[in-house]
């Protein structure tokens, strides 16, 4: 039986019920972590400080100092808004050639004692 359940944000329909599909445990937590990281301040109604606001930092030149700032922003946001995990490691590597960052988040899901590594590539949209 699943400990954590959430909606699949890809909005894929369940083949039998036609409702939005659900995701469980590891997939649900990974989706939540990714959403927290990619949410800018002011995007959530009534929660103006929710998220990490890292998209605003992506327009700075990719440097080791900027990578350190991103790492701290990610850690702070996850510690504040995702109580279901213990953060084990966050690494941000700047890829100056493509002006992007490779983010790796290693965390343990509480209550089910599962270690998970989530990798995200952060790039500017414009």
C-alpha atoms as a PDB file:
ATOM      1  CA  UNK A   1       0.000   0.000   0.000  1.00  0.00           C
ATOM      2  CA  UNK A   2       1.323   3.433  -0.959  1.00  0.00           C
ATOM      3  CA  UNK A   3       2.404   5.770   1.802  1.00  0.00           C
ATOM      4  CA  UNK A   4       2.365   8.926  -0.363  1.00  0.00           C
ATOM      5  CA  UNK A   5       0.049   9.590  -3.305  1.00  0.00           C
ATOM      6  CA  UNK A   6      -0.278  12.577  -5.609  1.00  0.00           C
ATOM      7  CA  UNK A   7      -1.756  13.524  -8.972  1.00  0.00           C
ATOM      8  CA  UNK A   8       0.372  12.891 -12.045  1.00  0.00           C
ATOM      9  CA  UNK A   9       1.076  16.425 -13.242  1.00  0.00           C
ATOM     10  CA  UNK A  10       1.438  15.172 -16.817  1.00  0.00           C
ATOM     11  CA  UNK A  11      -2.375  14.846 -16.656  1.00  0.00           C
ATOM     12  CA  UNK A  12      -2.367  11.355 -18.109  1.00  0.00           C
ATOM     13  CA  UNK A  13      -5.783   9.708 -17.884  1.00  0.00           C
ATOM     14  CA  UNK A  14      -6.189   6.445 -16.038  1.00  0.00           C
ATOM     15  CA  UNK A  15      -7.085   3.826 -18.673  1.00  0.00           C
ATOM     16  CA  UNK A  16     -10.012   2.381 -16.705  1.00  0.00           C
ATOM     17  CA  UNK A  17     -11.538   5.304 -14.841  1.00  0.00           C
ATOM     18  CA  UNK A  18     -10.700   8.185 -17.177  1.00  0.00           C
ATOM     19  CA  UNK A  19      -9.637  10.263 -14.169  1.00  0.00           C
ATOM     20  CA  UNK A  20      -6.217  11.836 -13.786  1.00  0.00           C
ATOM     21  CA  UNK A  21      -3.701   9.125 -12.906  1.00  0.00           C
ATOM     22  CA  UNK A  22      -2.079   8.977  -9.502  1.00  0.00           C
ATOM     23  CA  UNK A  23       1.581   8.502  -8.681  1.00  0.00           C
ATOM     24  CA  UNK A  24       2.828   6.846  -5.513  1.00  0.00           C
ATOM     25  CA  UNK A  25       5.668   7.080  -3.012  1.00  0.00           C
ATOM     26  CA  UNK A  26       9.001   7.754  -4.769  1.00  0.00           C
ATOM     27  CA  UNK A  27       7.437   9.208  -7.925  1.00  0.00           C
ATOM     28  CA  UNK A  28       5.165  11.475  -5.842  1.00  0.00           C
ATOM     29  CA  UNK A  29       8.054  12.790  -3.745  1.00  0.00           C
ATOM     30  CA  UNK A  30      10.296  13.314  -6.789  1.00  0.00           C
ATOM     31  CA  UNK A  31       7.498  15.281  -8.463  1.00  0.00           C
ATOM     32  CA  UNK A  32       7.040  17.414  -5.347  1.00  0.00           C
ATOM     33  CA  UNK A  33      10.775  18.138  -5.052  1.00  0.00           C
ATOM     34  CA  UNK A  34      10.974  19.145  -8.710  1.00  0.00           C
ATOM     35  CA  UNK A  35       7.905  21.403  -8.361  1.00  0.00           C
ATOM     36  CA  UNK A  36       9.348  23.156  -5.306  1.00  0.00           C
ATOM     37  CA  UNK A  37      12.624  23.790  -7.107  1.00  0.00           C
ATOM     38  CA  UNK A  38      11.013  25.101 -10.286  1.00  0.00           C
ATOM     39  CA  UNK A  39       8.420  27.347  -8.598  1.00  0.00           C
ATOM     40  CA  UNK A  40       9.187  31.063  -8.505  1.00  0.00           C
ATOM     41  CA  UNK A  41       8.170  33.308  -5.663  1.00  0.00           C
ATOM     42  CA  UNK A  42       4.695  34.729  -6.217  1.00  0.00           C
ATOM     43  CA  UNK A  43       3.438  31.872  -8.435  1.00  0.00           C
ATOM     44  CA  UNK A  44       1.282  30.225  -5.756  1.00  0.00           C
ATOM     45  CA  UNK A  45      -1.789  32.146  -4.641  1.00  0.00           C
ATOM     46  CA  UNK A  46      -1.720  32.990  -0.922  1.00  0.00           C
ATOM     47  CA  UNK A  47       1.849  31.600  -0.621  1.00  0.00           C
ATOM     48  CA  UNK A  48       4.026  34.326  -2.163  1.00  0.00           C
ATOM     49  CA  UNK A  49       7.295  32.955  -0.737  1.00  0.00           C
ATOM     50  CA  UNK A  50       6.718  29.313  -1.752  1.00  0.00           C
ATOM     51  CA  UNK A  51       9.393  27.798  -3.979  1.00  0.00           C
ATOM     52  CA  UNK A  52      13.062  28.419  -4.569  1.00  0.00           C
ATOM     53  CA  UNK A  53      12.961  31.318  -7.046  1.00  0.00           C
ATOM     54  CA  UNK A  54      15.951  29.886  -8.886  1.00  0.00           C
ATOM     55  CA  UNK A  55      14.709  30.833 -12.346  1.00  0.00           C
ATOM     56  CA  UNK A  56      15.550  34.432 -11.474  1.00  0.00           C
ATOM     57  CA  UNK A  57      19.153  33.335 -10.820  1.00  0.00           C
ATOM     58  CA  UNK A  58      19.508  31.507 -14.139  1.00  0.00           C
ATOM     59  CA  UNK A  59      20.034  34.762 -16.028  1.00  0.00           C
ATOM     60  CA  UNK A  60      23.308  35.404 -14.246  1.00  0.00           C
ATOM     61  CA  UNK A  61      26.489  34.133 -15.827  1.00  0.00           C
ATOM     62  CA  UNK A  62      27.178  30.473 -14.959  1.00  0.00           C
ATOM     63  CA  UNK A  63      29.997  30.602 -12.411  1.00  0.00           C
ATOM     64  CA  UNK A  64      31.003  28.508  -9.397  1.00  0.00           C
ATOM     65  CA  UNK A  65      29.703  31.271  -7.105  1.00  0.00           C
ATOM     66  CA  UNK A  66      26.327  31.284  -8.872  1.00  0.00           C
ATOM     67  CA  UNK A  67      26.232  27.476  -8.555  1.00  0.00           C
ATOM     68  CA  UNK A  68      26.837  27.790  -4.807  1.00  0.00           C
ATOM     69  CA  UNK A  69      23.998  30.323  -4.508  1.00  0.00           C
ATOM     70  CA  UNK A  70      21.660  27.989  -6.422  1.00  0.00           C
ATOM     71  CA  UNK A  71      22.660  25.070  -4.191  1.00  0.00           C
ATOM     72  CA  UNK A  72      21.831  27.010  -1.035  1.00  0.00           C
ATOM     73  CA  UNK A  73      18.502  28.230  -2.478  1.00  0.00           C
ATOM     74  CA  UNK A  74      17.525  24.658  -3.358  1.00  0.00           C
ATOM     75  CA  UNK A  75      18.498  23.285   0.059  1.00  0.00           C
ATOM     76  CA  UNK A  76      16.638  26.057   1.875  1.00  0.00           C
ATOM     77  CA  UNK A  77      13.442  25.606  -0.161  1.00  0.00           C
ATOM     78  CA  UNK A  78      13.411  21.815   0.253  1.00  0.00           C
ATOM     79  CA  UNK A  79      14.098  21.975   3.991  1.00  0.00           C
ATOM     80  CA  UNK A  80      11.259  24.466   4.372  1.00  0.00           C
ATOM     81  CA  UNK A  81       8.603  22.980   2.080  1.00  0.00           C
ATOM     82  CA  UNK A  82       9.217  19.231   1.832  1.00  0.00           C
ATOM     83  CA  UNK A  83       9.039  17.684   5.334  1.00  0.00           C
ATOM     84  CA  UNK A  84       8.820  14.134   3.944  1.00  0.00           C
ATOM     85  CA  UNK A  85      12.518  14.029   3.051  1.00  0.00           C
ATOM     86  CA  UNK A  86      15.943  14.331   4.635  1.00  0.00           C
ATOM     87  CA  UNK A  87      18.408  15.995   2.303  1.00  0.00           C
ATOM     88  CA  UNK A  88      21.649  14.051   2.098  1.00  0.00           C
ATOM     89  CA  UNK A  89      23.409  16.034  -0.624  1.00  0.00           C
ATOM     90  CA  UNK A  90      22.748  18.769  -3.167  1.00  0.00           C
ATOM     91  CA  UNK A  91      25.285  19.396  -5.890  1.00  0.00           C
ATOM     92  CA  UNK A  92      25.099  22.057  -8.579  1.00  0.00           C
ATOM     93  CA  UNK A  93      27.646  22.001 -11.383  1.00  0.00           C
ATOM     94  CA  UNK A  94      27.876  24.977 -13.680  1.00  0.00           C
ATOM     95  CA  UNK A  95      28.052  24.216 -17.379  1.00  0.00           C
ATOM     96  CA  UNK A  96      29.400  27.550 -18.606  1.00  0.00           C
ATOM     97  CA  UNK A  97      29.511  26.451 -22.258  1.00  0.00           C
ATOM     98  CA  UNK A  98      25.721  26.129 -22.424  1.00  0.00           C
ATOM     99  CA  UNK A  99      25.020  28.595 -19.587  1.00  0.00           C
ATOM    100  CA  UNK A 100      23.176  25.869 -17.679  1.00  0.00           C
ATOM    101  CA  UNK A 101      23.463  23.981 -14.404  1.00  0.00           C
ATOM    102  CA  UNK A 102      23.357  20.277 -13.681  1.00  0.00           C
ATOM    103  CA  UNK A 103      21.617  19.717 -10.352  1.00  0.00           C
ATOM    104  CA  UNK A 104      21.754  16.456  -8.423  1.00  0.00           C
ATOM    105  CA  UNK A 105      19.702  16.057  -5.257  1.00  0.00           C
ATOM    106  CA  UNK A 106      20.247  13.025  -3.063  1.00  0.00           C
ATOM    107  CA  UNK A 107      17.655  12.550  -0.324  1.00  0.00           C
ATOM    108  CA  UNK A 108      16.044   9.957   1.911  1.00  0.00           C
ATOM    109  CA  UNK A 109      12.277   9.614   2.041  1.00  0.00           C
ATOM    110  CA  UNK A 110      11.178   9.438   5.650  1.00  0.00           C
ATOM    111  CA  UNK A 111       8.971   6.583   6.846  1.00  0.00           C
ATOM    112  CA  UNK A 112       9.835   4.348   3.902  1.00  0.00           C
ATOM    113  CA  UNK A 113      13.639   4.755   4.288  1.00  0.00           C
ATOM    114  CA  UNK A 114      14.327   4.941   0.584  1.00  0.00           C
ATOM    115  CA  UNK A 115      17.279   6.879  -0.823  1.00  0.00           C
ATOM    116  CA  UNK A 116      16.597   8.727  -4.064  1.00  0.00           C
ATOM    117  CA  UNK A 117      18.762  10.705  -6.462  1.00  0.00           C
ATOM    118  CA  UNK A 118      17.011  13.271  -8.640  1.00  0.00           C
ATOM    119  CA  UNK A 119      18.860  14.960 -11.506  1.00  0.00           C
ATOM    120  CA  UNK A 120      17.627  18.142 -13.131  1.00  0.00           C
ATOM    121  CA  UNK A 121      19.207  20.301 -15.829  1.00  0.00           C
ATOM    122  CA  UNK A 122      18.440  23.978 -15.312  1.00  0.00           C
ATOM    123  CA  UNK A 123      18.613  26.204 -18.380  1.00  0.00           C
ATOM    124  CA  UNK A 124      17.316  29.598 -19.315  1.00  0.00           C
ATOM    125  CA  UNK A 125      14.149  29.605 -21.367  1.00  0.00           C
ATOM    126  CA  UNK A 126      14.752  32.891 -23.152  1.00  0.00           C
END
